[in-house]
Amino acid sequence: MELLIALTIGTLVAGGIYRMLGGCRVDMIIGLILLSQAANLIILASGGLKHNAAALIEDDVDLSTLADPLPQALVLTAIVIGFGILAFLLTLLIRSPK
């Protein structure tokens, strides 16, 4: 699973950099979106990849089997900020002169 996530992150970063180096403004926006998604995956993977692990603590649960909720909250916040930046960039793209 870690190899798949690492390959996905590498592909997103490579694709994002390739698109940002293009001359078109739309390519730059797409590249920025790809890079932000790669950063989200890096943050999520830093919390540990555990399959079907709950983030809630119960009375009789071993704490080492739980998922870390902090990276999940950081990724959720980053997704919302990314959508805000995307909306702002698309507005700039529409309003800018050709």
PDB file of N, CA and C in Angstrom:
ATOM      1  N   MET A   1       0.824  -1.196   0.000  1.00  0.00           N
ATOM      2  CA  MET A   1       0.000   0.000   0.000  1.00  0.00           C
ATOM      3  C   MET A   1       0.865   1.256   0.000  1.00  0.00           C
ATOM      4  N   GLU A   2       1.972   1.211   0.735  1.00  0.00           N
ATOM      5  CA  GLU A   2       2.854   2.375   0.784  1.00  0.00           C
ATOM      6  C   GLU A   2       3.483   2.645  -0.573  1.00  0.00           C
ATOM      7  N   LEU A   3       3.808   1.590  -1.301  1.00  0.00           N
ATOM      8  CA  LEU A   3       4.396   1.760  -2.629  1.00  0.00           C
ATOM      9  C   LEU A   3       3.399   2.401  -3.587  1.00  0.00           C
ATOM     10  N   LEU A   4       2.150   1.998  -3.509  1.00  0.00           N
ATOM     11  CA  LEU A   4       1.121   2.570  -4.370  1.00  0.00           C
ATOM     12  C   LEU A   4       0.922   4.054  -4.069  1.00  0.00           C
ATOM     13  N   ILE A   5       0.887   4.417  -2.791  1.00  0.00           N
ATOM     14  CA  ILE A   5       0.732   5.822  -2.413  1.00  0.00           C
ATOM     15  C   ILE A   5       1.948   6.623  -2.870  1.00  0.00           C
ATOM     16  N   ALA A   6       3.156   6.056  -2.711  1.00  0.00           N
ATOM     17  CA  ALA A   6       4.370   6.761  -3.135  1.00  0.00           C
ATOM     18  C   ALA A   6       4.387   6.970  -4.646  1.00  0.00           C
ATOM     19  N   LEU A   7       3.977   5.964  -5.402  1.00  0.00           N
ATOM     20  CA  LEU A   7       3.915   6.114  -6.862  1.00  0.00           C
ATOM     21  C   LEU A   7       2.857   7.134  -7.282  1.00  0.00           C
ATOM     22  N   THR A   8       1.750   7.150  -6.586  1.00  0.00           N
ATOM     23  CA  THR A   8       0.696   8.120  -6.886  1.00  0.00           C
ATOM     24  C   THR A   8       1.171   9.537  -6.602  1.00  0.00           C
ATOM     25  N   ILE A   9       1.847   9.719  -5.467  1.00  0.00           N
ATOM     26  CA  ILE A   9       2.372  11.044  -5.126  1.00  0.00           C
ATOM     27  C   ILE A   9       3.401  11.485  -6.159  1.00  0.00           C
ATOM     28  N   GLY A  10       4.300  10.582  -6.540  1.00  0.00           N
ATOM     29  CA  GLY A  10       5.305  10.919  -7.539  1.00  0.00           C
ATOM     30  C   GLY A  10       4.698  11.274  -8.881  1.00  0.00           C
ATOM     31  N   THR A  11       3.670  10.545  -9.271  1.00  0.00           N
ATOM     32  CA  THR A  11       2.991  10.831 -10.535  1.00  0.00           C
ATOM     33  C   THR A  11       2.297  12.186 -10.492  1.00  0.00           C
ATOM     34  N   LEU A  12       1.634  12.487  -9.373  1.00  0.00           N
ATOM     35  CA  LEU A  12       0.959  13.782  -9.248  1.00  0.00           C
ATOM     36  C   LEU A  12       1.952  14.939  -9.250  1.00  0.00           C
ATOM     37  N   VAL A  13       3.072  14.776  -8.565  1.00  0.00           N
ATOM     38  CA  VAL A  13       4.084  15.839  -8.544  1.00  0.00           C
ATOM     39  C   VAL A  13       4.681  16.027  -9.938  1.00  0.00           C
ATOM     40  N   ALA A  14       5.020  14.931 -10.600  1.00  0.00           N
ATOM     41  CA  ALA A  14       5.597  15.037 -11.944  1.00  0.00           C
ATOM     42  C   ALA A  14       4.604  15.665 -12.920  1.00  0.00           C
ATOM     43  N   GLY A  15       3.364  15.230 -12.859  1.00  0.00           N
ATOM     44  CA  GLY A  15       2.346  15.810 -13.733  1.00  0.00           C
ATOM     45  C   GLY A  15       2.081  17.271 -13.425  1.00  0.00           C
ATOM     46  N   GLY A  16       2.084  17.621 -12.143  1.00  0.00           N
ATOM     47  CA  GLY A  16       1.861  19.007 -11.746  1.00  0.00           C
ATOM     48  C   GLY A  16       2.976  19.923 -12.208  1.00  0.00           C
ATOM     49  N   ILE A  17       4.209  19.487 -12.054  1.00  0.00           N
ATOM     50  CA  ILE A  17       5.340  20.304 -12.503  1.00  0.00           C
ATOM     51  C   ILE A  17       5.339  20.420 -14.023  1.00  0.00           C
ATOM     52  N   TYR A  18       5.042  19.329 -14.706  1.00  0.00           N
ATOM     53  CA  TYR A  18       4.983  19.366 -16.173  1.00  0.00           C
ATOM     54  C   TYR A  18       3.914  20.348 -16.653  1.00  0.00           C
ATOM     55  N   ARG A  19       2.744  20.310 -16.011  1.00  0.00           N
ATOM     56  CA  ARG A  19       1.668  21.216 -16.427  1.00  0.00           C
ATOM     57  C   ARG A  19       1.979  22.664 -16.076  1.00  0.00           C
ATOM     58  N   MET A  20       2.653  22.896 -14.937  1.00  0.00           N
ATOM     59  CA  MET A  20       2.975  24.266 -14.553  1.00  0.00           C
ATOM     60  C   MET A  20       4.040  24.875 -15.463  1.00  0.00           C
ATOM     61  N   LEU A  21       4.868  24.057 -16.089  1.00  0.00           N
ATOM     62  CA  LEU A  21       5.886  24.568 -17.001  1.00  0.00           C
ATOM     63  C   LEU A  21       5.328  24.873 -18.388  1.00  0.00           C
ATOM     64  N   GLY A  22       4.070  24.495 -18.623  1.00  0.00           N
ATOM     65  CA  GLY A  22       3.441  24.827 -19.897  1.00  0.00           C
ATOM     66  C   GLY A  22       3.174  26.318 -19.987  1.00  0.00           C
ATOM     67  N   GLY A  23       2.983  26.801 -21.192  1.00  0.00           N
ATOM     68  CA  GLY A  23       2.825  28.235 -21.391  1.00  0.00           C
ATOM     69  C   GLY A  23       1.433  28.769 -21.111  1.00  0.00           C
ATOM     70  N   CYS A  24       0.443  27.927 -21.147  1.00  0.00           N
ATOM     71  CA  CYS A  24      -0.941  28.365 -21.002  1.00  0.00           C
ATOM     72  C   CYS A  24      -1.300  28.567 -19.528  1.00  0.00           C
ATOM     73  N   ARG A  25      -2.170  29.531 -19.272  1.00  0.00           N
ATOM     74  CA  ARG A  25      -2.588  29.800 -17.889  1.00  0.00           C
ATOM     75  C   ARG A  25      -3.431  28.664 -17.321  1.00  0.00           C
ATOM     76  N   VAL A  26      -4.222  28.037 -18.167  1.00  0.00           N
ATOM     77  CA  VAL A  26      -5.038  26.911 -17.705  1.00  0.00           C
ATOM     78  C   VAL A  26      -4.148  25.749 -17.276  1.00  0.00           C
ATOM     79  N   ASP A  27      -3.064  25.521 -18.009  1.00  0.00           N
ATOM     80  CA  ASP A  27      -2.115  24.472 -17.631  1.00  0.00           C
ATOM     81  C   ASP A  27      -1.493  24.752 -16.270  1.00  0.00           C
ATOM     82  N   MET A  28      -1.212  26.014 -15.994  1.00  0.00           N
ATOM     83  CA  MET A  28      -0.636  26.361 -14.697  1.00  0.00           C
ATOM     84  C   MET A  28      -1.621  26.094 -13.560  1.00  0.00           C
ATOM     85  N   ILE A  29      -2.877  26.377 -13.786  1.00  0.00           N
ATOM     86  CA  ILE A  29      -3.893  26.125 -12.754  1.00  0.00           C
ATOM     87  C   ILE A  29      -4.048  24.627 -12.530  1.00  0.00           C
ATOM     88  N   ILE A  30      -4.073  23.848 -13.596  1.00  0.00           N
ATOM     89  CA  ILE A  30      -4.178  22.395 -13.463  1.00  0.00           C
ATOM     90  C   ILE A  30      -2.960  21.832 -12.743  1.00  0.00           C
ATOM     91  N   GLY A  31      -1.781  22.343 -13.067  1.00  0.00           N
ATOM     92  CA  GLY A  31      -0.562  21.913 -12.378  1.00  0.00           C
ATOM     93  C   GLY A  31      -0.589  22.237 -10.896  1.00  0.00           C
ATOM     94  N   LEU A  32      -1.107  23.399 -10.541  1.00  0.00           N
ATOM     95  CA  LEU A  32      -1.217  23.770  -9.137  1.00  0.00           C
ATOM     96  C   LEU A  32      -2.193  22.855  -8.399  1.00  0.00           C
ATOM     97  N   ILE A  33      -3.268  22.482  -9.051  1.00  0.00           N
ATOM     98  CA  ILE A  33      -4.235  21.562  -8.441  1.00  0.00           C
ATOM     99  C   ILE A  33      -3.586  20.189  -8.206  1.00  0.00           C
ATOM    100  N   LEU A  34      -2.848  19.710  -9.203  1.00  0.00           N
ATOM    101  CA  LEU A  34      -2.180  18.415  -9.051  1.00  0.00           C
ATOM    102  C   LEU A  34      -1.155  18.439  -7.918  1.00  0.00           C
ATOM    103  N   LEU A  35      -0.396  19.533  -7.819  1.00  0.00           N
ATOM    104  CA  LEU A  35       0.586  19.638  -6.736  1.00  0.00           C
ATOM    105  C   LEU A  35      -0.084  19.710  -5.365  1.00  0.00           C
ATOM    106  N   SER A  36      -1.218  20.389  -5.278  1.00  0.00           N
ATOM    107  CA  SER A  36      -1.909  20.458  -3.987  1.00  0.00           C
ATOM    108  C   SER A  36      -2.478  19.095  -3.588  1.00  0.00           C
ATOM    109  N   GLN A  37      -2.943  18.332  -4.563  1.00  0.00           N
ATOM    110  CA  GLN A  37      -3.429  16.991  -4.248  1.00  0.00           C
ATOM    111  C   GLN A  37      -2.292  16.067  -3.820  1.00  0.00           C
ATOM    112  N   ALA A  38      -1.122  16.240  -4.427  1.00  0.00           N
ATOM    113  CA  ALA A  38       0.045  15.458  -4.014  1.00  0.00           C
ATOM    114  C   ALA A  38       0.450  15.813  -2.590  1.00  0.00           C
ATOM    115  N   ALA A  39       0.392  17.100  -2.256  1.00  0.00           N
ATOM    116  CA  ALA A  39       0.713  17.523  -0.888  1.00  0.00           C
ATOM    117  C   ALA A  39      -0.294  16.951   0.109  1.00  0.00           C
ATOM    118  N   ASN A  40      -1.561  16.887  -0.285  1.00  0.00           N
ATOM    119  CA  ASN A  40      -2.569  16.289   0.593  1.00  0.00           C
ATOM    120  C   ASN A  40      -2.278  14.809   0.844  1.00  0.00           C
ATOM    121  N   LEU A  41      -1.875  14.097  -0.191  1.00  0.00           N
ATOM    122  CA  LEU A  41      -1.533  12.685  -0.016  1.00  0.00           C
ATOM    123  C   LEU A  41      -0.297  12.499   0.853  1.00  0.00           C
ATOM    124  N   ILE A  42       0.674  13.404   0.735  1.00  0.00           N
ATOM    125  CA  ILE A  42       1.862  13.319   1.578  1.00  0.00           C
ATOM    126  C   ILE A  42       1.491  13.512   3.038  1.00  0.00           C
ATOM    127  N   ILE A  43       0.650  14.492   3.314  1.00  0.00           N
ATOM    128  CA  ILE A  43       0.220  14.732   4.698  1.00  0.00           C
ATOM    129  C   ILE A  43      -0.567  13.535   5.225  1.00  0.00           C
ATOM    130  N   LEU A  44      -1.447  12.994   4.406  1.00  0.00           N
ATOM    131  CA  LEU A  44      -2.246  11.851   4.839  1.00  0.00           C
ATOM    132  C   LEU A  44      -1.377  10.620   5.083  1.00  0.00           C
ATOM    133  N   ALA A  45      -0.383  10.402   4.240  1.00  0.00           N
ATOM    134  CA  ALA A  45       0.498   9.251   4.411  1.00  0.00           C
ATOM    135  C   ALA A  45       1.427   9.423   5.617  1.00  0.00           C
ATOM    136  N   SER A  46       1.692  10.665   6.013  1.00  0.00           N
ATOM    137  CA  SER A  46       2.565  10.883   7.164  1.00  0.00           C
ATOM    138  C   SER A  46       1.920  10.434   8.468  1.00  0.00           C
ATOM    139  N   GLY A  47       0.605  10.347   8.489  1.00  0.00           N
ATOM    140  CA  GLY A  47      -0.088   9.886   9.688  1.00  0.00           C
ATOM    141  C   GLY A  47      -0.115   8.382   9.826  1.00  0.00           C
ATOM    142  N   GLY A  48       0.406   7.675   8.861  1.00  0.00           N
ATOM    143  CA  GLY A  48       0.390   6.213   8.895  1.00  0.00           C
ATOM    144  C   GLY A  48      -0.806   5.682   8.128  1.00  0.00           C
ATOM    145  N   LEU A  49      -0.567   4.665   7.341  1.00  0.00           N
ATOM    146  CA  LEU A  49      -1.637   4.072   6.542  1.00  0.00           C
ATOM    147  C   LEU A  49      -2.126   2.820   7.240  1.00  0.00           C
ATOM    148  N   LYS A  50      -3.286   2.913   7.851  1.00  0.00           N
ATOM    149  CA  LYS A  50      -3.886   1.782   8.555  1.00  0.00           C
ATOM    150  C   LYS A  50      -5.247   1.515   7.952  1.00  0.00           C
ATOM    151  N   HIS A  51      -5.484   0.267   7.602  1.00  0.00           N
ATOM    152  CA  HIS A  51      -6.729  -0.110   6.945  1.00  0.00           C
ATOM    153  C   HIS A  51      -7.833  -0.303   7.984  1.00  0.00           C
ATOM    154  N   ASN A  52      -8.961   0.377   7.782  1.00  0.00           N
ATOM    155  CA  ASN A  52     -10.142   0.291   8.651  1.00  0.00           C
ATOM    156  C   ASN A  52      -9.830   0.608  10.105  1.00  0.00           C
ATOM    157  N   ALA A  53      -8.944   1.563  10.352  1.00  0.00           N
ATOM    158  CA  ALA A  53      -8.623   1.951  11.724  1.00  0.00           C
ATOM    159  C   ALA A  53      -9.486   3.144  12.106  1.00  0.00           C
ATOM    160  N   ALA A  54     -10.107   3.052  13.262  1.00  0.00           N
ATOM    161  CA  ALA A  54     -10.962   4.132  13.729  1.00  0.00           C
ATOM    162  C   ALA A  54     -10.120   5.226  14.369  1.00  0.00           C
ATOM    163  N   ALA A  55     -10.584   6.449  14.252  1.00  0.00           N
ATOM    164  CA  ALA A  55      -9.892   7.572  14.873  1.00  0.00           C
ATOM    165  C   ALA A  55     -10.469   7.884  16.246  1.00  0.00           C
ATOM    166  N   LEU A  56     -11.470   7.140  16.672  1.00  0.00           N
ATOM    167  CA  LEU A  56     -12.103   7.376  17.967  1.00  0.00           C
ATOM    168  C   LEU A  56     -11.564   6.405  19.004  1.00  0.00           C
ATOM    169  N   ILE A  57     -11.407   6.890  20.223  1.00  0.00           N
ATOM    170  CA  ILE A  57     -10.853   6.066  21.295  1.00  0.00           C
ATOM    171  C   ILE A  57     -11.997   5.485  22.122  1.00  0.00           C
ATOM    172  N   GLU A  58     -11.981   4.183  22.283  1.00  0.00           N
ATOM    173  CA  GLU A  58     -12.940   3.498  23.141  1.00  0.00           C
ATOM    174  C   GLU A  58     -12.205   3.001  24.377  1.00  0.00           C
ATOM    175  N   ASP A  59     -12.910   2.365  25.280  1.00  0.00           N
ATOM    176  CA  ASP A  59     -12.314   1.965  26.557  1.00  0.00           C
ATOM    177  C   ASP A  59     -11.302   0.836  26.419  1.00  0.00           C
ATOM    178  N   ASP A  60     -11.584  -0.166  25.633  1.00  0.00           N
ATOM    179  CA  ASP A  60     -10.738  -1.357  25.593  1.00  0.00           C
ATOM    180  C   ASP A  60      -9.966  -1.511  24.275  1.00  0.00           C
ATOM    181  N   VAL A  61      -9.506  -0.404  23.703  1.00  0.00           N
ATOM    182  CA  VAL A  61      -8.814  -0.445  22.420  1.00  0.00           C
ATOM    183  C   VAL A  61      -7.337  -0.137  22.631  1.00  0.00           C
ATOM    184  N   ASP A  62      -6.496  -0.906  21.945  1.00  0.00           N
ATOM    185  CA  ASP A  62      -5.062  -0.645  21.969  1.00  0.00           C
ATOM    186  C   ASP A  62      -4.777   0.631  21.177  1.00  0.00           C
ATOM    187  N   LEU A  63      -4.077   1.563  21.789  1.00  0.00           N
ATOM    188  CA  LEU A  63      -3.855   2.868  21.163  1.00  0.00           C
ATOM    189  C   LEU A  63      -2.945   2.792  19.942  1.00  0.00           C
ATOM    190  N   SER A  64      -2.158   1.742  19.812  1.00  0.00           N
ATOM    191  CA  SER A  64      -1.265   1.645  18.657  1.00  0.00           C
ATOM    192  C   SER A  64      -2.002   1.242  17.378  1.00  0.00           C
ATOM    193  N   THR A  65      -3.225   0.756  17.489  1.00  0.00           N
ATOM    194  CA  THR A  65      -3.985   0.356  16.303  1.00  0.00           C
ATOM    195  C   THR A  65      -4.872   1.469  15.763  1.00  0.00           C
ATOM    196  N   LEU A  66      -4.915   2.614  16.420  1.00  0.00           N
ATOM    197  CA  LEU A  66      -5.794   3.693  15.985  1.00  0.00           C
ATOM    198  C   LEU A  66      -5.116   4.567  14.939  1.00  0.00           C
ATOM    199  N   ALA A  67      -5.932   5.159  14.092  1.00  0.00           N
ATOM    200  CA  ALA A  67      -5.422   6.105  13.098  1.00  0.00           C
ATOM    201  C   ALA A  67      -5.219   7.462  13.759  1.00  0.00           C
ATOM    202  N   ASP A  68      -4.244   8.215  13.268  1.00  0.00           N
ATOM    203  CA  ASP A  68      -3.967   9.538  13.801  1.00  0.00           C
ATOM    204  C   ASP A  68      -4.939  10.537  13.177  1.00  0.00           C
ATOM    205  N   PRO A  69      -5.771  11.217  13.963  1.00  0.00           N
ATOM    206  CA  PRO A  69      -6.766  12.122  13.376  1.00  0.00           C
ATOM    207  C   PRO A  69      -6.200  13.466  12.933  1.00  0.00           C
ATOM    208  N   LEU A  70      -5.007  13.844  13.391  1.00  0.00           N
ATOM    209  CA  LEU A  70      -4.458  15.153  13.034  1.00  0.00           C
ATOM    210  C   LEU A  70      -4.171  15.290  11.534  1.00  0.00           C
ATOM    211  N   PRO A  71      -3.492  14.337  10.885  1.00  0.00           N
ATOM    212  CA  PRO A  71      -3.300  14.485   9.427  1.00  0.00           C
ATOM    213  C   PRO A  71      -4.608  14.501   8.651  1.00  0.00           C
ATOM    214  N   GLN A  72      -5.603  13.787   9.131  1.00  0.00           N
ATOM    215  CA  GLN A  72      -6.900  13.795   8.467  1.00  0.00           C
ATOM    216  C   GLN A  72      -7.535  15.178   8.546  1.00  0.00           C
ATOM    217  N   ALA A  73      -7.431  15.812   9.694  1.00  0.00           N
ATOM    218  CA  ALA A  73      -7.974  17.163   9.843  1.00  0.00           C
ATOM    219  C   ALA A  73      -7.189  18.169   9.010  1.00  0.00           C
ATOM    220  N   LEU A  74      -5.869  17.998   8.952  1.00  0.00           N
ATOM    221  CA  LEU A  74      -5.055  18.901   8.138  1.00  0.00           C
ATOM    222  C   LEU A  74      -5.387  18.768   6.655  1.00  0.00           C
ATOM    223  N   VAL A  75      -5.604  17.547   6.187  1.00  0.00           N
ATOM    224  CA  VAL A  75      -5.946  17.337   4.776  1.00  0.00           C
ATOM    225  C   VAL A  75      -7.319  17.918   4.473  1.00  0.00           C
ATOM    226  N   LEU A  76      -8.261  17.757   5.371  1.00  0.00           N
ATOM    227  CA  LEU A  76      -9.584  18.327   5.162  1.00  0.00           C
ATOM    228  C   LEU A  76      -9.506  19.842   5.054  1.00  0.00           C
ATOM    229  N   THR A  77      -8.716  20.468   5.920  1.00  0.00           N
ATOM    230  CA  THR A  77      -8.526  21.910   5.852  1.00  0.00           C
ATOM    231  C   THR A  77      -7.819  22.304   4.555  1.00  0.00           C
ATOM    232  N   ALA A  78      -6.825  21.529   4.142  1.00  0.00           N
ATOM    233  CA  ALA A  78      -6.102  21.840   2.912  1.00  0.00           C
ATOM    234  C   ALA A  78      -7.002  21.708   1.687  1.00  0.00           C
ATOM    235  N   ILE A  79      -7.922  20.769   1.701  1.00  0.00           N
ATOM    236  CA  ILE A  79      -8.853  20.614   0.580  1.00  0.00           C
ATOM    237  C   ILE A  79      -9.746  21.839   0.463  1.00  0.00           C
ATOM    238  N   VAL A  80     -10.258  22.322   1.585  1.00  0.00           N
ATOM    239  CA  VAL A  80     -11.125  23.508   1.568  1.00  0.00           C
ATOM    240  C   VAL A  80     -10.346  24.730   1.089  1.00  0.00           C
ATOM    241  N   ILE A  81      -9.121  24.903   1.576  1.00  0.00           N
ATOM    242  CA  ILE A  81      -8.296  26.031   1.137  1.00  0.00           C
ATOM    243  C   ILE A  81      -7.960  25.891  -0.349  1.00  0.00           C
ATOM    244  N   GLY A  82      -7.698  24.672  -0.808  1.00  0.00           N
ATOM    245  CA  GLY A  82      -7.418  24.447  -2.218  1.00  0.00           C
ATOM    246  C   GLY A  82      -8.592  24.812  -3.108  1.00  0.00           C
ATOM    247  N   PHE A  83      -9.816  24.494  -2.679  1.00  0.00           N
ATOM    248  CA  PHE A  83     -10.989  24.887  -3.465  1.00  0.00           C
ATOM    249  C   PHE A  83     -11.142  26.397  -3.506  1.00  0.00           C
ATOM    250  N   GLY A  84     -10.839  27.067  -2.409  1.00  0.00           N
ATOM    251  CA  GLY A  84     -10.905  28.528  -2.390  1.00  0.00           C
ATOM    252  C   GLY A  84      -9.893  29.144  -3.336  1.00  0.00           C
ATOM    253  N   ILE A  85      -8.678  28.614  -3.325  1.00  0.00           N
ATOM    254  CA  ILE A  85      -7.641  29.122  -4.227  1.00  0.00           C
ATOM    255  C   ILE A  85      -8.009  28.830  -5.680  1.00  0.00           C
ATOM    256  N   LEU A  86      -8.571  27.653  -5.941  1.00  0.00           N
ATOM    257  CA  LEU A  86      -8.994  27.315  -7.299  1.00  0.00           C
ATOM    258  C   LEU A  86     -10.074  28.276  -7.788  1.00  0.00           C
ATOM    259  N   ALA A  87     -11.050  28.586  -6.949  1.00  0.00           N
ATOM    260  CA  ALA A  87     -12.103  29.521  -7.344  1.00  0.00           C
ATOM    261  C   ALA A  87     -11.518  30.903  -7.632  1.00  0.00           C
ATOM    262  N   PHE A  88     -10.576  31.342  -6.798  1.00  0.00           N
ATOM    263  CA  PHE A  88      -9.942  32.642  -7.011  1.00  0.00           C
ATOM    264  C   PHE A  88      -9.142  32.664  -8.315  1.00  0.00           C
ATOM    265  N   LEU A  89      -8.378  31.602  -8.586  1.00  0.00           N
ATOM    266  CA  LEU A  89      -7.588  31.553  -9.807  1.00  0.00           C
ATOM    267  C   LEU A  89      -8.465  31.487 -11.053  1.00  0.00           C
ATOM    268  N   LEU A  90      -9.563  30.753 -10.971  1.00  0.00           N
ATOM    269  CA  LEU A  90     -10.467  30.695 -12.131  1.00  0.00           C
ATOM    270  C   LEU A  90     -11.133  32.045 -12.374  1.00  0.00           C
ATOM    271  N   THR A  91     -11.440  32.776 -11.304  1.00  0.00           N
ATOM    272  CA  THR A  91     -11.987  34.113 -11.450  1.00  0.00           C
ATOM    273  C   THR A  91     -10.970  35.039 -12.098  1.00  0.00           C
ATOM    274  N   LEU A  92      -9.713  34.957 -11.657  1.00  0.00           N
ATOM    275  CA  LEU A  92      -8.665  35.748 -12.289  1.00  0.00           C
ATOM    276  C   LEU A  92      -8.487  35.378 -13.754  1.00  0.00           C
ATOM    277  N   LEU A  93      -8.596  34.095 -14.065  1.00  0.00           N
ATOM    278  CA  LEU A  93      -8.436  33.648 -15.444  1.00  0.00           C
ATOM    279  C   LEU A  93      -9.548  34.193 -16.335  1.00  0.00           C
ATOM    280  N   ILE A  94     -10.769  34.195 -15.825  1.00  0.00           N
ATOM    281  CA  ILE A  94     -11.898  34.683 -16.614  1.00  0.00           C
ATOM    282  C   ILE A  94     -11.816  36.196 -16.810  1.00  0.00           C
ATOM    283  N   ARG A  95     -11.408  36.915 -15.786  1.00  0.00           N
ATOM    284  CA  ARG A  95     -11.410  38.373 -15.848  1.00  0.00           C
ATOM    285  C   ARG A  95     -10.153  38.965 -16.472  1.00  0.00           C
ATOM    286  N   SER A  96      -9.135  38.154 -16.675  1.00  0.00           N
ATOM    287  CA  SER A  96      -7.896  38.707 -17.231  1.00  0.00           C
ATOM    288  C   SER A  96      -8.032  38.907 -18.741  1.00  0.00           C
ATOM    289  N   PRO A  97      -7.321  39.902 -19.257  1.00  0.00           N
ATOM    290  CA  PRO A  97      -7.379  40.097 -20.718  1.00  0.00           C
ATOM    291  C   PRO A  97      -6.600  38.998 -21.429  1.00  0.00           C
ATOM    292  N   LYS A  98      -7.008  38.709 -22.583  1.00  0.00           N
ATOM    293  CA  LYS A  98      -6.400  37.629 -23.362  1.00  0.00           C
ATOM    294  C   LYS A  98      -5.034  37.996 -23.770  1.00  0.00           C
TER     295      LYS A  98
END
